[in-house]
Amino acid sequence: MSKRSKIFFALFVLAFSVMLFLIMHPIIFNKKANDQPDQAKIINIKKMEEQYRAEIKIKFDDFYSYLSSSTSDSGKLESIKSGILALRVPTKYKDLHLKLVLAIDKLENYGRLGKLDDKKSSQNILDQIKIENKWIL
């Protein structure tokens, strides 16, 4: 290889390396920057959790008073269920939400089939929710 072709080859390798670095630079460095949670996301999650707690507390009170009453207005129960299912649930409260939906389902079964065990089961689930989530009272 002549000296001239060696120089062209070295320049080609250098140019290729620079282009590769410029292409990969944003990928490498942006990945490190995205490892930290965005402050705005944290604020939005906290706001969502606060909003959920306020709304579910009202729905829980409605459901608990419905369960305690002797009336069996299926329209009222359906309204409570629709309100609970319409809520956006933060990850932190998914367990609570599922238990509450299960309690409503048990109460609906009691309304349809008349099994007293379903009503007691619904009451037990609500009592468990109250024990695990003191803020809901």
C-alpha atoms as a PDB file:
ATOM      1  CA  MET A   1       0.000   0.000   0.000  1.00  0.00           C
ATOM      2  CA  SER A   2       1.277   3.390  -0.875  1.00  0.00           C
ATOM      3  CA  LYS A   3       1.650   6.168   1.630  1.00  0.00           C
ATOM      4  CA  ARG A   4      -1.184   8.079  -0.011  1.00  0.00           C
ATOM      5  CA  SER A   5      -3.658   5.176   0.266  1.00  0.00           C
ATOM      6  CA  LYS A   6      -2.659   4.664   3.930  1.00  0.00           C
ATOM      7  CA  ILE A   7      -3.509   8.317   4.644  1.00  0.00           C
ATOM      8  CA  PHE A   8      -6.891   8.008   2.857  1.00  0.00           C
ATOM      9  CA  PHE A   9      -7.618   4.804   4.757  1.00  0.00           C
ATOM     10  CA  ALA A  10      -6.739   6.463   8.095  1.00  0.00           C
ATOM     11  CA  LEU A  11      -8.915   9.484   7.255  1.00  0.00           C
ATOM     12  CA  PHE A  12     -11.765   7.158   6.246  1.00  0.00           C
ATOM     13  CA  VAL A  13     -11.526   5.248   9.561  1.00  0.00           C
ATOM     14  CA  LEU A  14     -11.373   8.527  11.497  1.00  0.00           C
ATOM     15  CA  ALA A  15     -14.390   9.961   9.626  1.00  0.00           C
ATOM     16  CA  PHE A  16     -16.329   6.711  10.156  1.00  0.00           C
ATOM     17  CA  SER A  17     -15.504   6.749  13.883  1.00  0.00           C
ATOM     18  CA  VAL A  18     -16.621  10.367  14.245  1.00  0.00           C
ATOM     19  CA  MET A  19     -19.894   9.646  12.406  1.00  0.00           C
ATOM     20  CA  LEU A  20     -20.515   6.568  14.540  1.00  0.00           C
ATOM     21  CA  PHE A  21     -19.850   8.558  17.721  1.00  0.00           C
ATOM     22  CA  LEU A  22     -22.213  11.340  16.644  1.00  0.00           C
ATOM     23  CA  ILE A  23     -24.945   8.823  15.850  1.00  0.00           C
ATOM     24  CA  MET A  24     -24.538   6.889  19.107  1.00  0.00           C
ATOM     25  CA  HIS A  25     -23.921   9.877  21.396  1.00  0.00           C
ATOM     26  CA  PRO A  26     -27.608  10.870  21.905  1.00  0.00           C
ATOM     27  CA  ILE A  27     -28.628   7.267  22.490  1.00  0.00           C
ATOM     28  CA  ILE A  28     -25.979   6.631  25.134  1.00  0.00           C
ATOM     29  CA  PHE A  29     -26.272   9.907  27.019  1.00  0.00           C
ATOM     30  CA  ASN A  30     -30.069  10.262  26.835  1.00  0.00           C
ATOM     31  CA  LYS A  31     -30.457   6.807  28.285  1.00  0.00           C
ATOM     32  CA  LYS A  32     -28.556   7.880  31.393  1.00  0.00           C
ATOM     33  CA  ALA A  33     -30.626  11.048  31.709  1.00  0.00           C
ATOM     34  CA  ASN A  34     -33.892   9.094  31.493  1.00  0.00           C
ATOM     35  CA  ASP A  35     -32.923   6.713  34.288  1.00  0.00           C
ATOM     36  CA  GLN A  36     -34.005   9.350  36.826  1.00  0.00           C
ATOM     37  CA  PRO A  37     -37.776   9.781  37.140  1.00  0.00           C
ATOM     38  CA  ASP A  38     -39.058  13.042  35.782  1.00  0.00           C
ATOM     39  CA  GLN A  39     -40.153  15.432  38.550  1.00  0.00           C
ATOM     40  CA  ALA A  40     -43.334  16.306  36.630  1.00  0.00           C
ATOM     41  CA  LYS A  41     -44.280  12.623  36.457  1.00  0.00           C
ATOM     42  CA  ILE A  42     -43.816  12.240  40.209  1.00  0.00           C
ATOM     43  CA  ILE A  43     -46.021  15.277  40.841  1.00  0.00           C
ATOM     44  CA  ASN A  44     -48.692  13.933  38.462  1.00  0.00           C
ATOM     45  CA  ILE A  45     -48.667  10.529  40.170  1.00  0.00           C
ATOM     46  CA  LYS A  46     -49.021  12.123  43.598  1.00  0.00           C
ATOM     47  CA  LYS A  47     -51.860  14.322  42.336  1.00  0.00           C
ATOM     48  CA  MET A  48     -53.580  11.298  40.803  1.00  0.00           C
ATOM     49  CA  GLU A  49     -53.239   9.378  44.077  1.00  0.00           C
ATOM     50  CA  GLU A  50     -54.719  12.269  46.074  1.00  0.00           C
ATOM     51  CA  GLN A  51     -57.592  12.623  43.635  1.00  0.00           C
ATOM     52  CA  TYR A  52     -58.260   8.877  43.719  1.00  0.00           C
ATOM     53  CA  ARG A  53     -58.246   8.818  47.519  1.00  0.00           C
ATOM     54  CA  ALA A  54     -60.777  11.656  47.668  1.00  0.00           C
ATOM     55  CA  GLU A  55     -63.078  10.071  45.099  1.00  0.00           C
ATOM     56  CA  ILE A  56     -62.852   6.500  46.393  1.00  0.00           C
ATOM     57  CA  LYS A  57     -63.563   7.673  49.916  1.00  0.00           C
ATOM     58  CA  ILE A  58     -66.899   9.104  48.752  1.00  0.00           C
ATOM     59  CA  LYS A  59     -67.701   5.970  46.735  1.00  0.00           C
ATOM     60  CA  PHE A  60     -66.715   3.744  49.665  1.00  0.00           C
ATOM     61  CA  ASP A  61     -69.005   5.686  52.014  1.00  0.00           C
ATOM     62  CA  ASP A  62     -71.865   5.403  49.515  1.00  0.00           C
ATOM     63  CA  PHE A  63     -71.325   1.680  49.141  1.00  0.00           C
ATOM     64  CA  TYR A  64     -70.949   1.075  52.859  1.00  0.00           C
ATOM     65  CA  SER A  65     -74.152   2.983  53.631  1.00  0.00           C
ATOM     66  CA  TYR A  66     -75.947   1.070  50.855  1.00  0.00           C
ATOM     67  CA  LEU A  67     -74.763  -2.236  52.307  1.00  0.00           C
ATOM     68  CA  SER A  68     -75.821  -1.203  55.825  1.00  0.00           C
ATOM     69  CA  SER A  69     -79.301  -0.148  54.715  1.00  0.00           C
ATOM     70  CA  SER A  70     -82.119  -2.643  54.348  1.00  0.00           C
ATOM     71  CA  THR A  71     -83.142  -1.405  50.891  1.00  0.00           C
ATOM     72  CA  SER A  72     -82.065  -3.224  47.773  1.00  0.00           C
ATOM     73  CA  ASP A  73     -82.210  -0.551  45.079  1.00  0.00           C
ATOM     74  CA  SER A  74     -80.299  -2.158  42.196  1.00  0.00           C
ATOM     75  CA  GLY A  75     -80.153   1.185  40.380  1.00  0.00           C
ATOM     76  CA  LYS A  76     -78.273   2.764  43.299  1.00  0.00           C
ATOM     77  CA  LEU A  77     -75.842  -0.176  43.436  1.00  0.00           C
ATOM     78  CA  GLU A  78     -75.293   0.041  39.686  1.00  0.00           C
ATOM     79  CA  SER A  79     -74.610   3.767  40.011  1.00  0.00           C
ATOM     80  CA  ILE A  80     -72.031   3.136  42.749  1.00  0.00           C
ATOM     81  CA  LYS A  81     -70.410   0.391  40.686  1.00  0.00           C
ATOM     82  CA  SER A  82     -70.249   2.570  37.561  1.00  0.00           C
ATOM     83  CA  GLY A  83     -68.673   5.384  39.560  1.00  0.00           C
ATOM     84  CA  ILE A  84     -66.024   3.086  40.987  1.00  0.00           C
ATOM     85  CA  LEU A  85     -65.231   1.467  37.649  1.00  0.00           C
ATOM     86  CA  ALA A  86     -64.915   4.884  35.987  1.00  0.00           C
ATOM     87  CA  LEU A  87     -62.074   5.972  38.276  1.00  0.00           C
ATOM     88  CA  ARG A  88     -58.463   6.054  37.104  1.00  0.00           C
ATOM     89  CA  VAL A  89     -56.626   3.823  39.553  1.00  0.00           C
ATOM     90  CA  PRO A  90     -53.022   4.537  40.570  1.00  0.00           C
ATOM     91  CA  THR A  91     -50.825   1.461  40.819  1.00  0.00           C
ATOM     92  CA  LYS A  92     -50.554   1.949  44.562  1.00  0.00           C
ATOM     93  CA  TYR A  93     -54.309   1.378  45.014  1.00  0.00           C
ATOM     94  CA  LYS A  94     -55.036  -1.416  42.524  1.00  0.00           C
ATOM     95  CA  ASP A  95     -55.472  -4.000  45.303  1.00  0.00           C
ATOM     96  CA  LEU A  96     -57.953  -1.793  47.140  1.00  0.00           C
ATOM     97  CA  HIS A  97     -59.868  -1.142  43.946  1.00  0.00           C
ATOM     98  CA  LEU A  98     -60.102  -4.825  43.044  1.00  0.00           C
ATOM     99  CA  LYS A  99     -61.354  -5.711  46.523  1.00  0.00           C
ATOM    100  CA  LEU A 100     -64.001  -3.014  46.324  1.00  0.00           C
ATOM    101  CA  VAL A 101     -65.194  -4.248  42.915  1.00  0.00           C
ATOM    102  CA  LEU A 102     -65.261  -7.806  44.271  1.00  0.00           C
ATOM    103  CA  ALA A 103     -67.384  -6.661  47.217  1.00  0.00           C
ATOM    104  CA  ILE A 104     -69.846  -5.012  44.836  1.00  0.00           C
ATOM    105  CA  ASP A 105     -69.950  -8.154  42.706  1.00  0.00           C
ATOM    106  CA  LYS A 106     -70.730 -10.257  45.781  1.00  0.00           C
ATOM    107  CA  LEU A 107     -73.529  -7.878  46.727  1.00  0.00           C
ATOM    108  CA  GLU A 108     -74.937  -8.051  43.200  1.00  0.00           C
ATOM    109  CA  ASN A 109     -74.926 -11.848  43.486  1.00  0.00           C
ATOM    110  CA  TYR A 110     -76.807 -11.521  46.752  1.00  0.00           C
ATOM    111  CA  GLY A 111     -79.414  -9.359  44.995  1.00  0.00           C
ATOM    112  CA  ARG A 112     -79.818 -11.850  42.150  1.00  0.00           C
ATOM    113  CA  LEU A 113     -79.572 -15.160  43.991  1.00  0.00           C
ATOM    114  CA  GLY A 114     -80.524 -14.187  47.525  1.00  0.00           C
ATOM    115  CA  LYS A 115     -77.549 -15.976  49.119  1.00  0.00           C
ATOM    116  CA  LEU A 116     -76.890 -14.442  52.517  1.00  0.00           C
ATOM    117  CA  ASP A 117     -73.271 -15.687  52.339  1.00  0.00           C
ATOM    118  CA  ASP A 118     -72.596 -13.263  49.481  1.00  0.00           C
ATOM    119  CA  LYS A 119     -73.821 -10.296  51.512  1.00  0.00           C
ATOM    120  CA  LYS A 120     -71.705 -11.377  54.495  1.00  0.00           C
ATOM    121  CA  SER A 121     -68.708 -11.875  52.227  1.00  0.00           C
ATOM    122  CA  SER A 122     -69.190  -8.381  50.822  1.00  0.00           C
ATOM    123  CA  GLN A 123     -69.358  -6.972  54.352  1.00  0.00           C
ATOM    124  CA  ASN A 124     -66.181  -8.874  55.320  1.00  0.00           C
ATOM    125  CA  ILE A 125     -64.307  -7.477  52.319  1.00  0.00           C
ATOM    126  CA  LEU A 126     -65.346  -3.932  53.248  1.00  0.00           C
ATOM    127  CA  ASP A 127     -64.259  -4.492  56.849  1.00  0.00           C
ATOM    128  CA  GLN A 128     -60.888  -5.754  55.606  1.00  0.00           C
ATOM    129  CA  ILE A 129     -60.538  -2.659  53.398  1.00  0.00           C
ATOM    130  CA  LYS A 130     -61.233  -0.421  56.410  1.00  0.00           C
ATOM    131  CA  ILE A 131     -58.567  -2.210  58.470  1.00  0.00           C
ATOM    132  CA  GLU A 132     -55.930  -2.028  55.705  1.00  0.00           C
ATOM    133  CA  ASN A 133     -56.732   1.573  54.705  1.00  0.00           C
ATOM    134  CA  LYS A 134     -57.408   3.678  57.771  1.00  0.00           C
ATOM    135  CA  TRP A 135     -57.592   6.857  55.652  1.00  0.00           C
ATOM    136  CA  ILE A 136     -60.782   5.627  53.976  1.00  0.00           C
ATOM    137  CA  LEU A 137     -62.867   6.052  57.143  1.00  0.00           C
END
